[in-house]
Protein backbone atom coordinates (compact mmCIF):
# COMPACT_ATOMS: atom_id res chain seq x y z
CA MET A 1 0.02 -0.13 0.28
CA LEU A 2 2.72 2.41 0.81
CA LEU A 3 5.11 1.84 -1.87
CA ARG A 4 1.52 2.17 -4.27
CA GLN A 5 1.21 5.54 -2.56
CA LEU A 6 4.88 6.70 -3.02
CA ARG A 7 5.06 5.29 -6.96
CA MET A 8 2.01 7.86 -7.14
CA VAL A 9 3.04 10.87 -5.38
CA GLY A 10 6.25 10.48 -7.33
CA SER A 11 4.65 9.93 -10.73
CA ARG A 12 2.99 13.48 -10.05
CA ALA A 13 5.88 15.20 -8.75
CA ALA A 14 7.27 14.40 -12.56
CA ALA A 15 5.01 15.92 -14.17
CA SER A 16 6.27 19.56 -12.25
CA CYS A 17 9.81 18.67 -12.36
CA THR A 18 11.92 16.74 -14.92
CA SER A 19 12.64 13.87 -12.33
CA CYS A 20 12.59 13.15 -8.50
CA ALA A 21 13.60 10.83 -6.03
CA ILE A 22 14.65 10.55 -2.59
CA ALA A 23 18.21 9.19 -1.21
CA PRO A 24 18.70 7.24 1.99
CA PRO A 25 20.68 8.79 4.75
CA ALA A 26 23.48 6.43 6.99
CA LEU A 27 21.39 3.22 8.53
CA ARG A 28 20.21 4.00 12.15
CA THR A 29 17.87 2.20 14.50
CA TYR A 30 16.24 4.73 16.72
CA ALA A 31 15.65 4.10 20.33
CA GLN A 32 13.28 5.32 22.74
CA ALA A 33 13.94 9.00 23.82
CA ALA A 34 16.07 9.16 26.43
CA PRO A 35 15.42 10.80 29.77
CA ALA A 36 16.56 14.49 30.18
CA GLN A 37 19.34 13.10 32.84
CA ASP A 38 20.74 10.21 30.85
CA ALA A 39 23.68 11.63 29.03
CA LYS A 40 23.90 8.44 27.07
CA PRO A 41 23.26 9.64 23.68
CA PRO A 42 19.53 8.29 22.34
CA VAL A 43 20.53 6.75 19.46
CA ALA A 44 24.15 5.09 17.78
CA LEU A 45 25.66 7.42 15.47
CA TYR A 46 28.92 6.31 13.15
CA GLY A 47 31.56 8.25 11.20
CA LEU A 48 33.75 10.38 12.57
CA ASP A 49 30.98 13.67 12.96
CA GLY A 50 29.20 10.68 14.40
CA THR A 51 31.56 10.20 17.05
CA TYR A 52 31.82 14.08 17.99
CA ALA A 53 28.49 14.48 17.83
CA SER A 54 27.64 12.06 20.17
CA ALA A 55 30.47 13.03 22.22
CA LEU A 56 29.29 16.95 21.92
CA TYR A 57 25.68 15.52 23.04
CA THR A 58 26.66 13.74 26.22
CA ALA A 59 29.00 16.57 27.59
CA ALA A 60 26.21 18.95 27.03
CA VAL A 61 23.76 17.02 29.27
CA LYS A 62 26.47 16.64 31.65
CA THR A 63 26.49 20.45 31.81
CA SER A 64 22.52 20.98 31.53
CA ALA A 65 23.22 22.64 28.38
CA LEU A 66 21.64 20.64 25.75
CA GLU A 67 18.82 23.34 24.86
CA THR A 68 21.85 26.02 24.55
CA THR A 69 23.67 23.79 22.54
CA SER A 70 21.20 22.56 20.48
CA LYS A 71 20.19 26.22 19.50
CA SER A 72 23.67 27.17 18.83
CA PHE A 73 23.88 24.15 16.38
CA ALA A 74 20.88 24.75 14.72
CA ALA A 75 22.49 28.93 14.30
CA LEU A 76 25.70 27.05 12.91
CA ALA A 77 23.67 24.89 10.14
CA ASP A 78 22.34 27.94 9.01
CA VAL A 79 25.29 29.58 8.32
CA PHE A 80 26.20 26.57 6.03
CA LYS A 81 22.78 26.57 4.58
CA LYS A 82 23.34 30.60 3.51
CA ASP A 83 27.58 30.07 2.57
CA PRO A 84 28.20 26.84 0.40
CA LYS A 85 31.80 28.06 0.08
CA LEU A 86 31.89 27.59 4.44
CA PRO A 87 32.75 23.49 4.07
CA VAL A 88 35.68 24.55 1.39
CA ILE A 89 37.34 27.10 4.09
CA LEU A 90 36.97 25.03 6.66
CA THR A 91 38.94 22.25 5.12
CA ALA A 92 41.69 24.29 3.59
CA PRO A 93 45.04 22.71 4.57
CA THR A 94 46.84 25.93 4.63
CA LEU A 95 44.45 27.51 7.72
CA THR A 96 47.08 28.93 10.61
CA PRO A 97 45.97 28.95 14.21
CA GLY A 98 45.24 32.21 13.93
CA ASP A 99 42.59 31.72 11.01
CA LYS A 100 40.90 28.94 13.20
CA SER A 101 40.74 31.23 16.07
CA GLN A 102 39.17 33.80 13.97
CA ILE A 103 36.55 31.39 12.41
CA ILE A 104 35.73 30.38 15.68
CA GLN A 105 35.13 33.88 16.78
CA GLU A 106 33.29 34.37 13.53
CA LEU A 107 31.11 31.09 13.75
CA GLN A 108 30.33 32.77 17.78
CA ARG A 109 28.97 35.67 16.32
CA HIS A 110 26.57 34.05 14.54
CA MET A 111 25.47 32.27 17.33
CA GLY A 112 23.95 35.10 18.76
CA GLY A 113 24.70 34.43 22.09
CA GLN A 114 23.24 31.06 22.50
CA ASP A 115 26.21 29.59 23.96
CA LYS A 116 25.99 30.80 27.55
CA GLY A 117 28.39 28.31 29.06
CA ASP A 118 31.05 28.65 26.26
CA THR A 119 29.98 24.32 25.34
CA VAL A 120 29.64 25.10 21.35
CA LYS A 121 33.35 27.41 21.90
CA ASN A 122 35.05 24.83 23.55
CA PHE A 123 33.66 22.44 21.38
CA LEU A 124 35.12 24.19 18.16
CA LYS A 125 38.66 24.77 20.05
CA THR A 126 38.44 21.04 20.21
CA LEU A 127 37.62 20.39 16.61
CA ALA A 128 40.53 23.14 15.30
CA ASP A 129 42.93 21.67 17.29
CA ASN A 130 42.41 18.43 16.19
CA ASN A 131 42.49 19.73 12.57
CA ARG A 132 38.44 18.71 12.46
CA LEU A 133 36.56 21.74 11.46
CA GLY A 134 35.87 20.36 8.04
CA ILE A 135 33.64 17.70 9.54
CA LEU A 136 31.70 20.79 11.35
CA GLN A 137 28.94 20.56 9.01
CA GLY A 138 28.59 16.92 9.12
CA VAL A 139 28.13 16.99 13.12
CA CYS A 140 25.82 19.49 12.94
CA GLU A 141 23.60 17.27 10.93
CA LYS A 142 24.51 14.42 13.05
CA PHE A 143 23.95 16.48 15.93
CA THR A 144 20.25 17.11 14.90
CA THR A 145 19.56 13.79 14.07
CA LEU A 146 19.99 12.90 18.05
CA MET A 147 18.40 16.07 19.08
CA GLY A 148 15.53 14.76 16.99
CA ALA A 149 15.43 11.29 18.72
CA ALA A 150 15.53 12.25 22.17
CA LYS A 151 12.27 14.02 21.70
CA GLY A 152 10.99 10.99 20.08
CA GLU A 153 11.45 11.89 16.02
CA ILE A 154 12.86 9.83 13.37
CA ASP A 155 13.90 11.31 10.40
CA LEU A 156 12.25 10.88 7.31
CA THR A 157 14.84 11.87 4.13
CA ILE A 158 13.31 12.37 0.98
CA THR A 159 15.96 12.75 -1.62
CA SER A 160 15.29 13.51 -5.24
CA ALA A 161 16.54 14.37 -8.60
CA SER A 162 15.54 17.72 -8.44
CA LYS A 163 14.10 19.61 -5.63
CA LEU A 164 10.13 18.69 -4.20
CA ASP A 165 7.45 21.25 -3.88
CA PRO A 166 6.04 21.45 -0.49
CA LYS A 167 2.82 19.98 -1.87
CA THR A 168 4.98 16.74 -2.75
CA LEU A 169 6.72 16.51 0.42
CA GLN A 170 3.58 16.88 2.43
CA ARG A 171 1.94 14.01 0.65
CA LEU A 172 5.20 11.44 1.04
CA GLU A 173 4.81 12.48 4.68
CA THR A 174 1.58 11.38 4.64
CA ALA A 175 2.09 8.74 3.62
CA VAL A 176 4.62 7.37 5.38
CA SER A 177 3.08 8.40 8.64
CA LYS A 178 0.38 6.38 7.71
CA SER A 179 2.29 3.22 7.61
CA GLU A 180 4.34 0.71 9.76
CA TYR A 181 7.57 2.45 9.10
CA SER A 182 6.91 5.63 11.15
CA GLN A 183 6.64 3.11 14.28
CA GLY A 184 4.07 5.87 15.23
CA LYS A 185 6.70 8.52 15.80
CA LYS A 186 6.75 11.76 14.96
CA LEU A 187 8.32 12.04 11.40
CA LYS A 188 11.09 14.87 10.93
CA VAL A 189 11.32 15.46 7.11
CA ILE A 190 14.41 16.26 5.43
CA PRO A 191 14.45 16.91 1.99
CA LYS A 192 17.58 16.32 -0.38
CA VAL A 193 18.55 16.55 -4.03
CA ASN A 194 21.19 14.12 -5.74
CA PRO A 195 20.96 14.43 -9.64
CA GLU A 196 22.68 10.98 -10.00
CA ILE A 197 19.48 8.93 -8.90
CA LYS A 198 18.01 10.08 -12.54
CA GLY A 199 14.19 9.74 -11.51
CA GLY A 200 11.96 8.29 -9.32
CA LEU A 201 12.18 8.26 -5.69
CA VAL A 202 14.09 6.94 -2.45
CA VAL A 203 12.87 7.24 1.04
CA GLU A 204 14.76 6.42 4.06
CA ILE A 205 12.98 6.14 7.43
CA GLY A 206 14.93 4.90 10.44
CA ASP A 207 16.95 2.17 9.67
CA ARG A 208 14.83 1.30 6.24
CA THR A 209 14.88 2.19 2.86
CA ILE A 210 12.37 2.11 -0.06
CA ASP A 211 14.67 2.51 -3.53
CA LEU A 212 11.93 3.34 -6.07
CA SER A 213 14.77 5.50 -7.96
CA VAL A 214 15.53 5.07 -11.56
CA SER A 215 19.02 4.40 -11.18
CA SER A 216 18.37 1.85 -9.45
CA LYS A 217 16.14 0.29 -11.88
CA ILE A 218 18.59 0.37 -14.58
CA SER A 219 20.97 -1.26 -12.22
CA LYS A 220 18.89 -3.85 -11.90
CA MET A 221 18.22 -4.18 -15.07
CA ASN A 222 22.19 -4.18 -16.13
CA LYS A 223 22.80 -7.05 -13.75
CA LEU A 224 19.71 -8.97 -15.15
CA LEU A 225 21.32 -8.49 -18.59
CA THR A 226 24.61 -9.45 -17.25
CA ASP A 227 23.47 -12.61 -15.73
CA THR A 228 21.56 -13.18 -18.52
CA LEU A 229 24.42 -13.24 -20.96
């Protein structure tokens, strides 16, 4: 039933854009939201950015700075959205200690005084000292995932070959929310664009993936032809 609904939504979306699809994030299984006093991250994350995000979450809980840290990282995430060149700057191998210090000061300015206990400032210094400022954007995304899991939310990542309109995203969210895939939890829709899937939809919710992309169908067809020959 859900697959039929997703295909129908994808067909409607195709009429208004050249091609549409949905790409999966890292696979992960969501646990019950952790109590406020529990410093353990509510969900296991992987990768270097996931490791740093989990460590930050634990530190923020222990210092009673989780909410202010969350607001600070939301502000940092907005900076990345507004300045696509920032990731390139942060990964530059020629950054001097002075450059890194200046970058941290500028990022703090964009946080608008949200970082009351300097939790984020100290975290940024740790990244800089370990030459890891380049993973900051990933840490922002992973920290958002942790906060969502702590509130009982589950990510619904929708990646398309071209940008989907709000109505299409709403229809997809409604279809998934009525299925067993939602696990009865509140969905957090994360739209992404990936031209390489060529068309169709790839939906990931929690640790499940529904791949309806054109690229997937082509891959399966090629494999069938190869096996036949």
